[in-house]
Amino acid sequence: MPVTVEIRRGSTRFVEREVGRLTRHAFSFGPVYDPDRLGFGPMVCHDDHLLGPGTGFETHRHSGLEIVTYVVSGSLRHTDPSGSTTVPAGSLAWLSTGDGVEHSELATDDGPCRFVQVWLRSERVGEPSYAVHEGASSLQPLPGASLRREQLDDGLPLTLPAAPLLHAYVVTGSLLRSSLAEPLSTGDSFEMTDEESHELTAGVPTEVLIWTFSPDTSAG
């Protein structure tokens, strides 16, 4: 039978280091290519970035993507032709690239910034758009593609819902042993295919990002 629950440990991510930046890639990216790690459903990038003060990604171009960013700590400065926006910790930012857009992403000068970023394939056309959702706990950047952010105190349960495709990433903390696996800790993730719902428990205060995708996830 095909594997329907896969544990991806943070230690297996592809690590990229640049001056002022540490990035951990879940999937093949740039010069690092692994034919078995090209994506998960419409998700083609799942990166965990740590930027030093004032450093990050200078102006570059994207198209054909919905880009969702969760700022874990510090704050991120996003700049595109429409202007500059500061994204504080705890916020979800959504860039719909439309026909194409140039932007930059830099940590603000007052301290380091950690953020998790996901790219979803998209055929949405037209003008690009950018929005910041402070304190948001959910987002739906494409029909059939939904993000849920969970913050759990020690000992509280977490339900991973039944879904055709589910990706759950431990941003901070840990999830206790279940029938699925040994405990998951910061940087670890579940990838599930056609699974029923599963109950987990936070071992310490824990934050999790949960993506679900339906088979007919629309390109928009």
Protein backbone atom coordinates (compact mmCIF):
# COMPACT_ATOMS: atom_id res chain seq x y z
CA MET A 1 0.00 0.00 0.00
CA PRO A 2 1.21 3.54 -0.66
CA VAL A 3 2.45 5.56 2.30
CA THR A 4 -0.35 7.89 3.39
CA VAL A 5 1.35 9.50 6.40
CA GLU A 6 4.91 10.73 6.04
CA ILE A 7 6.97 12.42 8.75
CA ARG A 8 9.41 15.02 7.46
CA ARG A 9 11.94 15.95 10.11
CA GLY A 10 13.36 19.45 10.18
CA SER A 11 16.86 17.93 10.15
CA THR A 12 16.22 16.60 6.61
CA ARG A 13 15.46 20.04 5.13
CA PHE A 14 17.87 21.51 2.59
CA VAL A 15 19.87 24.24 4.37
CA GLU A 16 20.97 27.40 2.56
CA ARG A 17 23.22 29.98 4.21
CA GLU A 18 23.91 33.49 2.97
CA VAL A 19 25.27 36.54 4.76
CA GLY A 20 22.56 37.52 7.23
CA ARG A 21 20.22 34.68 6.22
CA LEU A 22 19.56 31.03 7.09
CA THR A 23 16.91 29.18 5.07
CA ARG A 24 15.60 25.65 5.49
CA HIS A 25 13.87 24.36 2.33
CA ALA A 26 11.37 21.50 2.48
CA PHE A 27 11.50 20.95 -1.30
CA SER A 28 14.02 21.16 -4.13
CA PHE A 29 15.05 24.77 -4.63
CA GLY A 30 17.71 26.52 -6.70
CA PRO A 31 20.87 24.40 -7.04
CA VAL A 32 19.52 21.70 -4.70
CA TYR A 33 17.48 19.13 -6.63
CA ASP A 34 15.83 16.00 -5.26
CA PRO A 35 13.36 14.32 -7.65
CA ASP A 36 11.49 12.89 -4.65
CA ARG A 37 11.03 16.33 -3.04
CA LEU A 38 9.49 18.58 -5.70
CA GLY A 39 6.34 19.63 -3.85
CA PHE A 40 3.12 18.50 -2.23
CA GLY A 41 -0.08 19.06 -4.18
CA PRO A 42 -0.02 22.70 -5.37
CA MET A 43 2.67 23.53 -2.76
CA VAL A 44 6.01 23.92 -4.52
CA CYS A 45 7.90 25.76 -1.78
CA HIS A 46 7.78 25.58 2.01
CA ASP A 47 10.64 27.57 3.52
CA ASP A 48 11.60 28.57 7.04
CA HIS A 49 13.73 31.74 6.94
CA LEU A 50 15.78 33.48 9.62
CA LEU A 51 16.99 36.96 8.63
CA GLY A 52 19.40 39.24 10.43
CA PRO A 53 18.43 42.90 10.99
CA GLY A 54 18.00 44.70 7.68
CA THR A 55 18.84 41.65 5.58
CA GLY A 56 16.81 39.36 3.35
CA PHE A 57 15.70 39.20 -0.25
CA GLU A 58 16.35 42.22 -2.45
CA THR A 59 14.05 43.01 -5.38
CA HIS A 60 13.15 39.92 -7.43
CA ARG A 61 10.28 38.81 -9.67
CA HIS A 62 7.52 36.20 -9.29
CA SER A 63 4.62 35.03 -11.44
CA GLY A 64 2.23 32.08 -11.42
CA LEU A 65 2.17 31.83 -7.63
CA GLU A 66 0.12 32.54 -4.53
CA ILE A 67 2.71 33.31 -1.82
CA VAL A 68 1.66 33.08 1.83
CA THR A 69 3.99 34.28 4.59
CA TYR A 70 3.61 33.78 8.33
CA VAL A 71 5.87 36.00 10.44
CA VAL A 72 6.88 34.03 13.53
CA SER A 73 9.04 36.65 15.25
CA GLY A 74 10.42 40.10 14.54
CA SER A 75 8.94 42.02 11.62
CA LEU A 76 9.30 41.88 7.85
CA ARG A 77 9.35 44.77 5.41
CA HIS A 78 7.64 43.96 2.10
CA THR A 79 8.09 46.39 -0.81
CA ASP A 80 6.54 46.25 -4.28
CA PRO A 81 5.41 48.85 -6.86
CA SER A 82 2.40 49.71 -4.68
CA GLY A 83 4.57 50.69 -1.69
CA SER A 84 6.12 49.28 1.48
CA THR A 85 4.38 47.38 4.26
CA THR A 86 5.69 46.22 7.63
CA VAL A 87 4.41 42.77 8.57
CA PRO A 88 4.52 42.19 12.36
CA ALA A 89 4.89 38.89 14.17
CA GLY A 90 1.70 36.85 14.26
CA SER A 91 0.54 38.11 10.86
CA LEU A 92 -0.30 36.27 7.65
CA ALA A 93 0.64 38.04 4.42
CA TRP A 94 -0.68 36.98 1.01
CA LEU A 95 0.92 37.99 -2.29
CA SER A 96 -1.04 37.01 -5.39
CA THR A 97 1.48 37.47 -8.19
CA GLY A 98 -1.05 37.69 -11.05
CA ASP A 99 0.69 38.49 -14.35
CA GLY A 100 3.95 39.09 -12.49
CA VAL A 101 5.34 41.33 -9.77
CA GLU A 102 8.69 42.50 -8.43
CA HIS A 103 9.09 42.74 -4.68
CA SER A 104 11.61 42.63 -1.85
CA GLU A 105 11.44 41.13 1.64
CA LEU A 106 13.81 42.37 4.34
CA ALA A 107 13.88 42.11 8.11
CA THR A 108 13.35 45.50 9.71
CA ASP A 109 16.43 47.16 11.18
CA ASP A 110 15.37 46.72 14.81
CA GLY A 111 16.03 43.01 15.05
CA PRO A 112 16.09 39.58 13.39
CA CYS A 113 13.00 38.11 11.76
CA ARG A 114 11.84 34.53 11.34
CA PHE A 115 9.10 33.70 8.85
CA VAL A 116 7.60 30.65 7.16
CA GLN A 117 6.69 31.03 3.50
CA VAL A 118 4.67 28.81 1.16
CA TRP A 119 4.34 29.07 -2.62
CA LEU A 120 1.28 27.58 -4.34
CA ARG A 121 1.06 27.09 -8.11
CA SER A 122 -1.54 29.41 -9.59
CA GLU A 123 -2.91 30.32 -13.00
CA ARG A 124 -4.60 33.44 -11.67
CA VAL A 125 -4.01 36.36 -14.04
CA GLY A 126 -4.43 40.10 -13.83
CA GLU A 127 -3.02 42.71 -11.48
CA PRO A 128 -0.99 41.41 -8.53
CA SER A 129 -2.27 42.07 -5.02
CA TYR A 130 -0.84 42.06 -1.51
CA ALA A 131 -2.63 41.96 1.84
CA VAL A 132 -1.59 41.58 5.47
CA HIS A 133 -3.92 39.87 7.95
CA GLU A 134 -2.79 40.68 11.50
CA GLY A 135 -3.71 38.00 14.02
CA ALA A 136 -5.52 35.93 11.43
CA SER A 137 -5.99 32.22 12.16
CA SER A 138 -7.04 31.11 8.67
CA LEU A 139 -6.64 31.95 4.99
CA GLN A 140 -7.85 30.55 1.67
CA PRO A 141 -5.56 31.78 -1.12
CA LEU A 142 -7.08 29.41 -3.71
CA PRO A 143 -10.36 27.50 -3.94
CA GLY A 144 -9.68 24.15 -2.31
CA ALA A 145 -6.49 25.36 -0.59
CA SER A 146 -6.86 26.43 3.05
CA LEU A 147 -4.43 27.39 5.80
CA ARG A 148 -5.24 27.14 9.51
CA ARG A 149 -2.97 28.44 12.28
CA GLU A 150 -3.26 26.76 15.68
CA GLN A 151 -1.77 27.98 18.95
CA LEU A 152 -1.98 25.42 21.77
CA ASP A 153 -1.14 25.50 25.45
CA ASP A 154 0.63 22.56 27.07
CA GLY A 155 -1.62 19.50 27.11
CA LEU A 156 -4.30 20.79 24.75
CA PRO A 157 -5.50 18.55 21.90
CA LEU A 158 -5.15 19.25 18.19
CA THR A 159 -7.33 17.68 15.49
CA LEU A 160 -5.77 17.21 12.07
CA PRO A 161 -8.86 17.03 9.84
CA ALA A 162 -9.60 14.40 7.24
CA ALA A 163 -8.44 15.69 3.87
CA PRO A 164 -7.27 14.44 0.47
CA LEU A 165 -3.94 16.22 1.15
CA LEU A 166 -2.81 17.70 4.47
CA HIS A 167 0.48 19.36 5.44
CA ALA A 168 1.03 20.22 9.13
CA TYR A 169 4.17 22.10 10.20
CA VAL A 170 5.34 22.57 13.79
CA VAL A 171 6.45 26.20 13.92
CA THR A 172 7.35 26.09 17.61
CA GLY A 173 6.88 23.59 20.42
CA SER A 174 6.11 19.88 20.13
CA LEU A 175 3.29 17.41 19.52
CA LEU A 176 3.23 14.34 21.74
CA ARG A 177 3.48 10.76 20.58
CA SER A 178 0.37 9.42 18.90
CA SER A 179 -0.53 6.36 16.86
CA LEU A 180 1.17 8.15 13.95
CA ALA A 181 4.70 8.74 15.12
CA GLU A 182 7.18 9.71 17.79
CA PRO A 183 6.83 13.31 19.00
CA LEU A 184 7.19 16.08 16.46
CA SER A 185 9.15 19.18 17.41
CA THR A 186 9.96 22.56 15.90
CA GLY A 187 10.67 22.25 12.17
CA ASP A 188 9.02 18.81 11.76
CA SER A 189 5.97 18.20 9.59
CA PHE A 190 3.29 15.68 8.64
CA GLU A 191 2.34 15.06 5.01
CA MET A 192 -0.91 13.07 4.76
CA THR A 193 -2.77 11.71 1.75
CA ASP A 194 -6.42 10.57 1.98
CA GLU A 195 -6.20 10.25 5.77
CA GLU A 196 -8.98 10.31 8.33
CA SER A 197 -8.81 12.86 11.12
CA HIS A 198 -6.16 12.40 13.82
CA GLU A 199 -5.98 13.67 17.39
CA LEU A 200 -2.65 14.94 18.72
CA THR A 201 -1.64 16.70 21.93
CA ALA A 202 0.71 19.61 22.55
CA GLY A 203 3.60 18.67 24.83
CA VAL A 204 4.48 22.32 25.50
CA PRO A 205 3.03 25.60 24.19
CA THR A 206 2.95 24.86 20.46
CA GLU A 207 2.16 26.59 17.19
CA VAL A 208 1.20 24.64 14.05
CA LEU A 209 0.43 25.66 10.46
CA ILE A 210 -2.02 23.26 8.78
CA TRP A 211 -2.64 23.27 5.02
CA THR A 212 -5.43 21.22 3.44
CA PHE A 213 -5.92 20.71 -0.30
CA SER A 214 -8.88 19.19 -2.12
CA PRO A 215 -8.44 17.16 -5.33
CA ASP A 216 -10.04 19.93 -7.35
CA THR A 217 -7.87 22.70 -5.89
CA SER A 218 -8.40 25.46 -8.42
CA ALA A 219 -5.64 27.43 -10.03
CA GLY A 220 -7.85 30.45 -9.58
